[in-house]
Amino acid sequence: MTTNKNVNTPANLTKRIIFGAGILILVVGFFLLRQINSNTIFLFDVLIGFLMIAGSFEIESLFKKMNRQVSSVILAIYPVVNFVFLLIAVMFKFSVLYYLLLCFLIVLFFFLLSYVIGLLNKKGTLKEMFLCSYEGGRLSFAIKKSANTVLGMIYPTLLLMFAFMINHFSAFVGLETFEAGFLGLVLLFATTMTADTCAFLVGRTIKSKKISLEKLGPGKSWSGLVGGILGAILAAIIVYLIFVNCGYKTVFADFNLSIWSFILIGLFSGIFNMAGDILASFLKRRAGVKDFSNLIPGHGGVMDRINGLVINSVCVFVCLMICF
């Protein structure tokens, strides 16, 4: 496994802090742009779309390092297709179940497309089989390549689709009295970023036993795991207090939302966020790399920063569905 002995040097920590602050400013900027008027809600989709595209490229690169062949073209166009169908769903007011069914059918279509291309393009498929030293038949290779492509579509693009749905939550569920999408996005980013920060700080400050799963990254400790979950709970409580003091007290009362509701959201968000971090560590360990890429100095790649957010977006969306 590739290691980086300088990961905890003062210079690297300085880079991490500086670029971390830059990421925070960028995210806050998109939140402010989103709240200008009803039309600027779509500007936040630009941020989510960028995360989808950058994440897809990093996952594709990771799969290739793991000697897993994928359809690069499909992984490149899928986020765009996903975004187009999201706009259609919002414009025509699709229900959540109808849109999720549509997403499933799109994934199935691309699976079949990748498989058919693999069968028809005999010369190209045989060349790929030779380059990766595949010993099976062309049929099984086409199936495995298509399955790997679907995995690359699901993680992160399809999972981040739930962040799109959070952004347009009120439109999807027909909620006219309250713009719950803003609250959902604040919860998503606040719990994710606070959990990541607390997991990092607590894990470095309080030394504890490592999480005893050999296939996970070597830096995962129980203290960091607990610190991340507690950080997410703290973030959810702070979000509740801010919104209550900014005129949302009556709205929360109408939907029977108390501080305990937000504590539970924080708890589950913290668990899902840590699960996303562990999943990312597992994939990187399988590929023999420390980071998904070196796009962000001091942080690694985009997926190194949003691995928790990808999984947490599903959790926050489900919580919103239960609450509203």
Protein backbone atom coordinates (compact mmCIF):
# COMPACT_ATOMS: atom_id res chain seq x y z
CA MET A 1 0.00 0.00 0.00
CA THR A 2 1.25 3.48 -0.87
CA THR A 3 2.00 5.61 2.16
CA ASN A 4 2.80 9.23 2.76
CA LYS A 5 5.22 9.82 5.60
CA ASN A 6 4.71 13.56 5.50
CA VAL A 7 0.97 13.51 5.99
CA ASN A 8 1.12 14.93 9.52
CA THR A 9 3.94 17.44 9.08
CA PRO A 10 3.26 21.08 10.08
CA ALA A 11 3.52 22.18 6.45
CA ASN A 12 0.91 19.65 5.36
CA LEU A 13 -1.39 20.56 8.25
CA THR A 14 -1.08 24.23 7.27
CA LYS A 15 -2.12 23.35 3.71
CA ARG A 16 -5.00 21.33 5.10
CA ILE A 17 -6.24 24.27 7.20
CA ILE A 18 -5.85 26.84 4.41
CA PHE A 19 -7.59 24.80 1.74
CA GLY A 20 -10.17 23.59 4.26
CA ALA A 21 -11.05 27.22 4.98
CA GLY A 22 -11.26 27.85 1.23
CA ILE A 23 -13.66 24.93 0.80
CA LEU A 24 -15.81 26.24 3.64
CA ILE A 25 -15.95 29.74 2.10
CA LEU A 26 -16.89 28.23 -1.28
CA VAL A 27 -19.72 26.18 0.22
CA VAL A 28 -21.05 29.16 2.20
CA GLY A 29 -20.93 31.22 -1.00
CA PHE A 30 -23.12 28.70 -2.80
CA PHE A 31 -25.57 28.72 0.12
CA LEU A 32 -25.81 32.51 -0.10
CA LEU A 33 -26.31 32.42 -3.87
CA ARG A 34 -29.00 29.77 -3.44
CA GLN A 35 -31.05 32.02 -1.17
CA ILE A 36 -31.17 35.06 -3.47
CA ASN A 37 -34.50 34.01 -4.99
CA SER A 38 -36.46 30.95 -6.08
CA ASN A 39 -34.57 30.67 -9.39
CA THR A 40 -31.09 30.66 -7.84
CA ILE A 41 -31.85 27.35 -6.11
CA PHE A 42 -30.50 25.76 -9.28
CA LEU A 43 -27.09 27.38 -8.69
CA PHE A 44 -26.53 24.94 -5.83
CA ASP A 45 -27.03 22.14 -8.34
CA VAL A 46 -23.85 23.36 -10.03
CA LEU A 47 -21.85 22.56 -6.89
CA ILE A 48 -23.45 19.13 -6.55
CA GLY A 49 -22.91 18.47 -10.27
CA PHE A 50 -19.23 19.33 -9.95
CA LEU A 51 -18.90 16.92 -7.03
CA MET A 52 -20.59 14.22 -9.12
CA ILE A 53 -18.32 14.69 -12.14
CA ALA A 54 -15.08 15.02 -10.16
CA GLY A 55 -16.04 12.06 -7.98
CA SER A 56 -16.83 9.91 -11.03
CA PHE A 57 -13.40 10.58 -12.55
CA GLU A 58 -11.69 9.70 -9.28
CA ILE A 59 -13.69 6.48 -8.85
CA GLU A 60 -12.91 5.51 -12.45
CA SER A 61 -9.19 6.04 -11.78
CA LEU A 62 -9.45 4.02 -8.57
CA PHE A 63 -11.20 1.12 -10.31
CA LYS A 64 -8.48 0.98 -12.94
CA LYS A 65 -5.83 0.80 -10.22
CA MET A 66 -7.79 -2.13 -8.83
CA ASN A 67 -7.68 -3.70 -12.32
CA ARG A 68 -11.45 -3.35 -12.66
CA GLN A 69 -12.47 -2.31 -16.15
CA VAL A 70 -15.27 0.26 -16.54
CA SER A 71 -16.89 2.15 -19.38
CA SER A 72 -15.28 5.59 -19.10
CA VAL A 73 -17.71 7.16 -21.57
CA ILE A 74 -20.77 6.06 -19.61
CA LEU A 75 -19.28 7.23 -16.28
CA ALA A 76 -18.54 10.60 -17.90
CA ILE A 77 -22.01 11.21 -19.37
CA TYR A 78 -24.08 9.69 -16.56
CA PRO A 79 -23.87 12.74 -14.22
CA VAL A 80 -25.04 14.95 -17.10
CA VAL A 81 -27.93 12.61 -17.90
CA ASN A 82 -28.81 12.48 -14.21
CA PHE A 83 -28.90 16.26 -14.00
CA VAL A 84 -31.08 16.62 -17.11
CA PHE A 85 -33.64 14.15 -15.77
CA LEU A 86 -33.61 15.92 -12.42
CA LEU A 87 -34.58 19.18 -14.16
CA ILE A 88 -37.36 17.33 -15.99
CA ALA A 89 -38.56 15.80 -12.70
CA VAL A 90 -38.64 19.21 -10.99
CA MET A 91 -40.36 20.94 -13.93
CA PHE A 92 -43.08 18.29 -14.22
CA LYS A 93 -43.34 17.73 -10.44
CA PHE A 94 -42.56 14.03 -10.39
CA SER A 95 -43.17 12.24 -7.12
CA VAL A 96 -40.20 10.90 -5.18
CA LEU A 97 -41.05 7.26 -5.97
CA TYR A 98 -41.54 8.01 -9.65
CA TYR A 99 -38.20 9.80 -9.86
CA LEU A 100 -36.39 6.99 -7.99
CA LEU A 101 -37.92 4.48 -10.42
CA LEU A 102 -36.71 6.64 -13.30
CA CYS A 103 -33.19 6.68 -11.82
CA PHE A 104 -33.25 2.88 -11.54
CA LEU A 105 -34.34 2.52 -15.18
CA ILE A 106 -31.54 4.85 -16.31
CA VAL A 107 -28.97 2.74 -14.46
CA LEU A 108 -30.44 -0.44 -15.96
CA PHE A 109 -30.31 1.12 -19.44
CA PHE A 110 -26.63 2.00 -19.09
CA PHE A 111 -25.84 -1.48 -17.74
CA LEU A 112 -27.44 -3.06 -20.81
CA LEU A 113 -25.79 -0.50 -23.11
CA SER A 114 -22.34 -1.24 -21.67
CA TYR A 115 -22.98 -4.98 -21.99
CA VAL A 116 -24.18 -4.78 -25.60
CA ILE A 117 -21.23 -2.58 -26.58
CA GLY A 118 -18.89 -5.09 -24.97
CA LEU A 119 -20.40 -7.89 -27.06
CA LEU A 120 -20.53 -5.99 -30.35
CA ASN A 121 -17.09 -4.40 -30.08
CA LYS A 122 -15.27 -7.74 -30.17
CA LYS A 123 -11.87 -6.31 -31.11
CA GLY A 124 -11.92 -3.66 -28.39
CA THR A 125 -13.15 -6.11 -25.74
CA LEU A 126 -10.44 -8.66 -26.59
CA LYS A 127 -7.82 -5.92 -26.35
CA GLU A 128 -9.07 -4.91 -22.89
CA MET A 129 -9.08 -8.54 -21.79
CA PHE A 130 -5.46 -8.89 -22.91
CA LEU A 131 -4.32 -5.68 -21.20
CA CYS A 132 -5.82 -6.68 -17.84
CA SER A 133 -4.81 -10.36 -18.23
CA TYR A 134 -8.41 -11.55 -17.97
CA GLU A 135 -8.61 -15.34 -18.25
CA GLY A 136 -12.37 -15.79 -18.64
CA GLY A 137 -14.57 -15.55 -21.70
CA ARG A 138 -15.71 -12.41 -23.52
CA LEU A 139 -19.27 -12.81 -22.22
CA SER A 140 -18.26 -12.87 -18.56
CA PHE A 141 -15.83 -9.99 -19.12
CA ALA A 142 -18.62 -7.85 -20.63
CA ILE A 143 -20.87 -8.60 -17.64
CA LYS A 144 -18.16 -7.77 -15.09
CA LYS A 145 -17.24 -4.56 -16.90
CA SER A 146 -20.90 -3.52 -16.99
CA ALA A 147 -21.31 -4.36 -13.29
CA ASN A 148 -18.20 -2.30 -12.42
CA THR A 149 -19.60 0.57 -14.48
CA VAL A 150 -22.86 0.42 -12.54
CA LEU A 151 -20.94 0.48 -9.25
CA GLY A 152 -19.11 3.59 -10.50
CA MET A 153 -22.46 5.14 -11.39
CA ILE A 154 -23.99 4.40 -7.99
CA TYR A 155 -20.95 5.56 -6.03
CA PRO A 156 -20.84 8.53 -6.02
CA THR A 157 -23.21 9.88 -8.70
CA LEU A 158 -26.47 8.07 -7.91
CA LEU A 159 -26.00 8.53 -4.15
CA LEU A 160 -25.25 12.24 -4.63
CA MET A 161 -28.52 12.44 -6.54
CA PHE A 162 -30.14 12.49 -3.08
CA ALA A 163 -28.35 15.80 -2.47
CA PHE A 164 -30.06 17.10 -5.63
CA MET A 165 -33.37 15.88 -4.22
CA ILE A 166 -32.69 17.60 -0.89
CA ASN A 167 -32.04 20.86 -2.74
CA HIS A 168 -35.43 20.54 -4.49
CA PHE A 169 -37.16 18.76 -1.62
CA SER A 170 -40.19 21.05 -1.40
CA ALA A 171 -40.88 20.63 -5.12
CA PHE A 172 -40.66 16.84 -4.93
CA VAL A 173 -43.02 16.45 -1.97
CA GLY A 174 -45.32 19.38 -2.79
CA LEU A 175 -44.44 21.28 0.38
CA GLU A 176 -45.61 24.85 -0.21
CA THR A 177 -45.56 26.24 3.33
CA PHE A 178 -41.89 25.66 4.10
CA GLU A 179 -38.71 25.57 1.99
CA ALA A 180 -37.28 22.47 3.64
CA GLY A 181 -34.52 22.03 1.06
CA PHE A 182 -32.44 24.79 2.62
CA LEU A 183 -32.73 23.21 6.07
CA GLY A 184 -31.80 19.81 4.62
CA LEU A 185 -28.71 21.14 2.86
CA VAL A 186 -27.56 22.97 5.99
CA LEU A 187 -27.97 19.78 8.00
CA LEU A 188 -26.18 17.72 5.35
CA PHE A 189 -23.12 19.95 5.06
CA ALA A 190 -23.00 20.94 8.74
CA THR A 191 -23.15 17.39 10.09
CA THR A 192 -20.74 16.06 7.46
CA MET A 193 -18.09 18.77 7.81
CA THR A 194 -18.30 18.87 11.61
CA ALA A 195 -18.15 15.07 11.85
CA ASP A 196 -15.06 14.97 9.61
CA THR A 197 -13.35 17.72 11.62
CA CYS A 198 -14.17 16.22 15.00
CA ALA A 199 -13.15 12.73 13.88
CA PHE A 200 -9.79 14.11 12.75
CA LEU A 201 -9.16 16.21 15.88
CA VAL A 202 -10.42 13.67 18.42
CA GLY A 203 -8.61 10.82 16.68
CA ARG A 204 -5.32 12.73 16.84
CA THR A 205 -5.84 14.01 20.39
CA ILE A 206 -7.26 10.95 22.13
CA LYS A 207 -5.26 7.87 21.26
CA SER A 208 -7.29 4.67 21.28
CA LYS A 209 -7.35 1.22 19.78
CA LYS A 210 -7.61 1.05 16.02
CA ILE A 211 -10.76 -0.30 14.45
CA SER A 212 -9.81 -3.96 14.10
CA LEU A 213 -10.80 -4.58 10.50
CA GLU A 214 -7.71 -5.40 8.48
CA LYS A 215 -9.09 -4.26 5.15
CA LEU A 216 -9.79 -0.73 6.41
CA GLY A 217 -7.38 2.17 6.41
CA PRO A 218 -4.69 2.10 9.10
CA GLY A 219 -5.69 5.45 10.61
CA LYS A 220 -9.21 4.54 11.75
CA SER A 221 -9.58 4.62 15.54
CA TRP A 222 -12.56 4.18 17.84
CA SER A 223 -11.95 7.61 19.38
CA GLY A 224 -12.15 9.23 15.94
CA LEU A 225 -15.30 7.28 15.12
CA VAL A 226 -17.04 8.37 18.35
CA GLY A 227 -15.75 11.91 17.96
CA GLY A 228 -17.21 12.12 14.45
CA ILE A 229 -20.64 10.92 15.56
CA LEU A 230 -20.69 13.33 18.52
CA GLY A 231 -19.58 16.12 16.18
CA ALA A 232 -22.54 15.44 13.89
CA ILE A 233 -24.94 15.51 16.85
CA LEU A 234 -23.44 18.82 18.01
CA ALA A 235 -23.81 20.28 14.51
CA ALA A 236 -27.48 19.20 14.33
CA ILE A 237 -28.19 20.83 17.71
CA ILE A 238 -26.53 24.07 16.60
CA VAL A 239 -28.55 24.04 13.36
CA TYR A 240 -31.75 23.61 15.39
CA LEU A 241 -30.90 26.51 17.71
CA ILE A 242 -30.00 28.80 14.82
CA PHE A 243 -33.19 28.05 12.88
CA VAL A 244 -35.39 28.36 15.99
CA ASN A 245 -33.93 31.80 16.68
CA CYS A 246 -34.35 32.84 13.05
CA GLY A 247 -38.12 32.44 12.96
CA TYR A 248 -38.58 28.72 12.38
CA LYS A 249 -39.93 27.89 15.85
CA THR A 250 -43.56 27.84 14.67
CA VAL A 251 -42.68 25.77 11.59
CA PHE A 252 -40.90 23.17 13.71
CA ALA A 253 -43.86 23.08 16.11
CA ASP A 254 -46.27 22.51 13.20
CA PHE A 255 -44.27 19.41 12.19
CA ASN A 256 -43.66 18.28 15.79
CA LEU A 257 -39.91 18.79 15.47
CA SER A 258 -38.03 19.27 18.74
CA ILE A 259 -34.37 19.41 19.62
CA TRP A 260 -34.56 15.64 20.19
CA SER A 261 -35.57 15.20 16.56
CA PHE A 262 -32.40 17.00 15.51
CA ILE A 263 -30.30 14.99 17.95
CA LEU A 264 -31.55 11.81 16.29
CA ILE A 265 -30.85 13.27 12.84
CA GLY A 266 -27.34 14.16 14.02
CA LEU A 267 -26.82 10.65 15.41
CA PHE A 268 -27.83 8.90 12.21
CA SER A 269 -25.96 11.45 10.07
CA GLY A 270 -22.83 10.82 12.10
CA ILE A 271 -23.15 7.06 11.70
CA PHE A 272 -23.78 7.28 7.96
CA ASN A 273 -20.96 9.80 7.56
CA MET A 274 -18.49 7.52 9.34
CA ALA A 275 -19.75 4.58 7.25
CA GLY A 276 -18.97 6.57 4.11
CA ASP A 277 -15.49 7.34 5.39
CA ILE A 278 -14.86 3.66 6.19
CA LEU A 279 -16.15 2.57 2.76
CA ALA A 280 -13.80 5.05 1.06
CA SER A 281 -10.87 3.79 3.15
CA PHE A 282 -11.71 0.22 2.18
CA LEU A 283 -11.70 1.09 -1.54
CA LYS A 284 -8.44 3.03 -1.30
CA ARG A 285 -6.79 0.20 0.59
CA ARG A 286 -7.91 -2.26 -2.09
CA ALA A 287 -6.41 0.02 -4.75
CA GLY A 288 -3.20 0.53 -2.77
CA VAL A 289 -3.44 4.33 -2.59
CA LYS A 290 -3.70 6.83 0.23
CA ASP A 291 -5.90 9.42 -1.53
CA PHE A 292 -8.36 9.35 -4.42
CA SER A 293 -6.26 12.03 -6.14
CA ASN A 294 -4.10 15.05 -5.31
CA LEU A 295 -6.54 17.67 -6.59
CA ILE A 296 -6.86 19.49 -3.22
CA PRO A 297 -3.50 20.13 -1.48
CA GLY A 298 -3.49 18.78 2.06
CA HIS A 299 -6.79 16.95 1.53
CA GLY A 300 -6.30 14.60 -1.40
CA GLY A 301 -9.10 14.34 -3.91
CA VAL A 302 -12.71 15.46 -4.03
CA MET A 303 -13.86 12.03 -2.88
CA ASP A 304 -11.54 12.27 0.13
CA ARG A 305 -13.58 15.26 1.24
CA ILE A 306 -17.09 14.08 0.33
CA ASN A 307 -16.88 10.34 1.07
CA GLY A 308 -19.07 10.87 4.13
CA LEU A 309 -21.37 13.37 2.42
CA VAL A 310 -22.12 10.88 -0.38
CA ILE A 311 -23.63 8.37 2.06
CA ASN A 312 -24.98 11.00 4.46
CA SER A 313 -27.06 12.61 1.70
CA VAL A 314 -29.23 9.47 1.65
CA CYS A 315 -29.64 9.63 5.43
CA VAL A 316 -30.60 13.32 5.50
CA PHE A 317 -33.07 12.87 2.63
CA VAL A 318 -34.79 9.99 4.43
CA CYS A 319 -34.90 12.07 7.63
CA LEU A 320 -36.55 14.92 5.73
CA MET A 321 -39.11 12.51 4.27
CA ILE A 322 -39.94 11.26 7.77
CA CYS A 323 -40.14 14.77 9.23
CA PHE A 324 -42.08 16.50 6.47
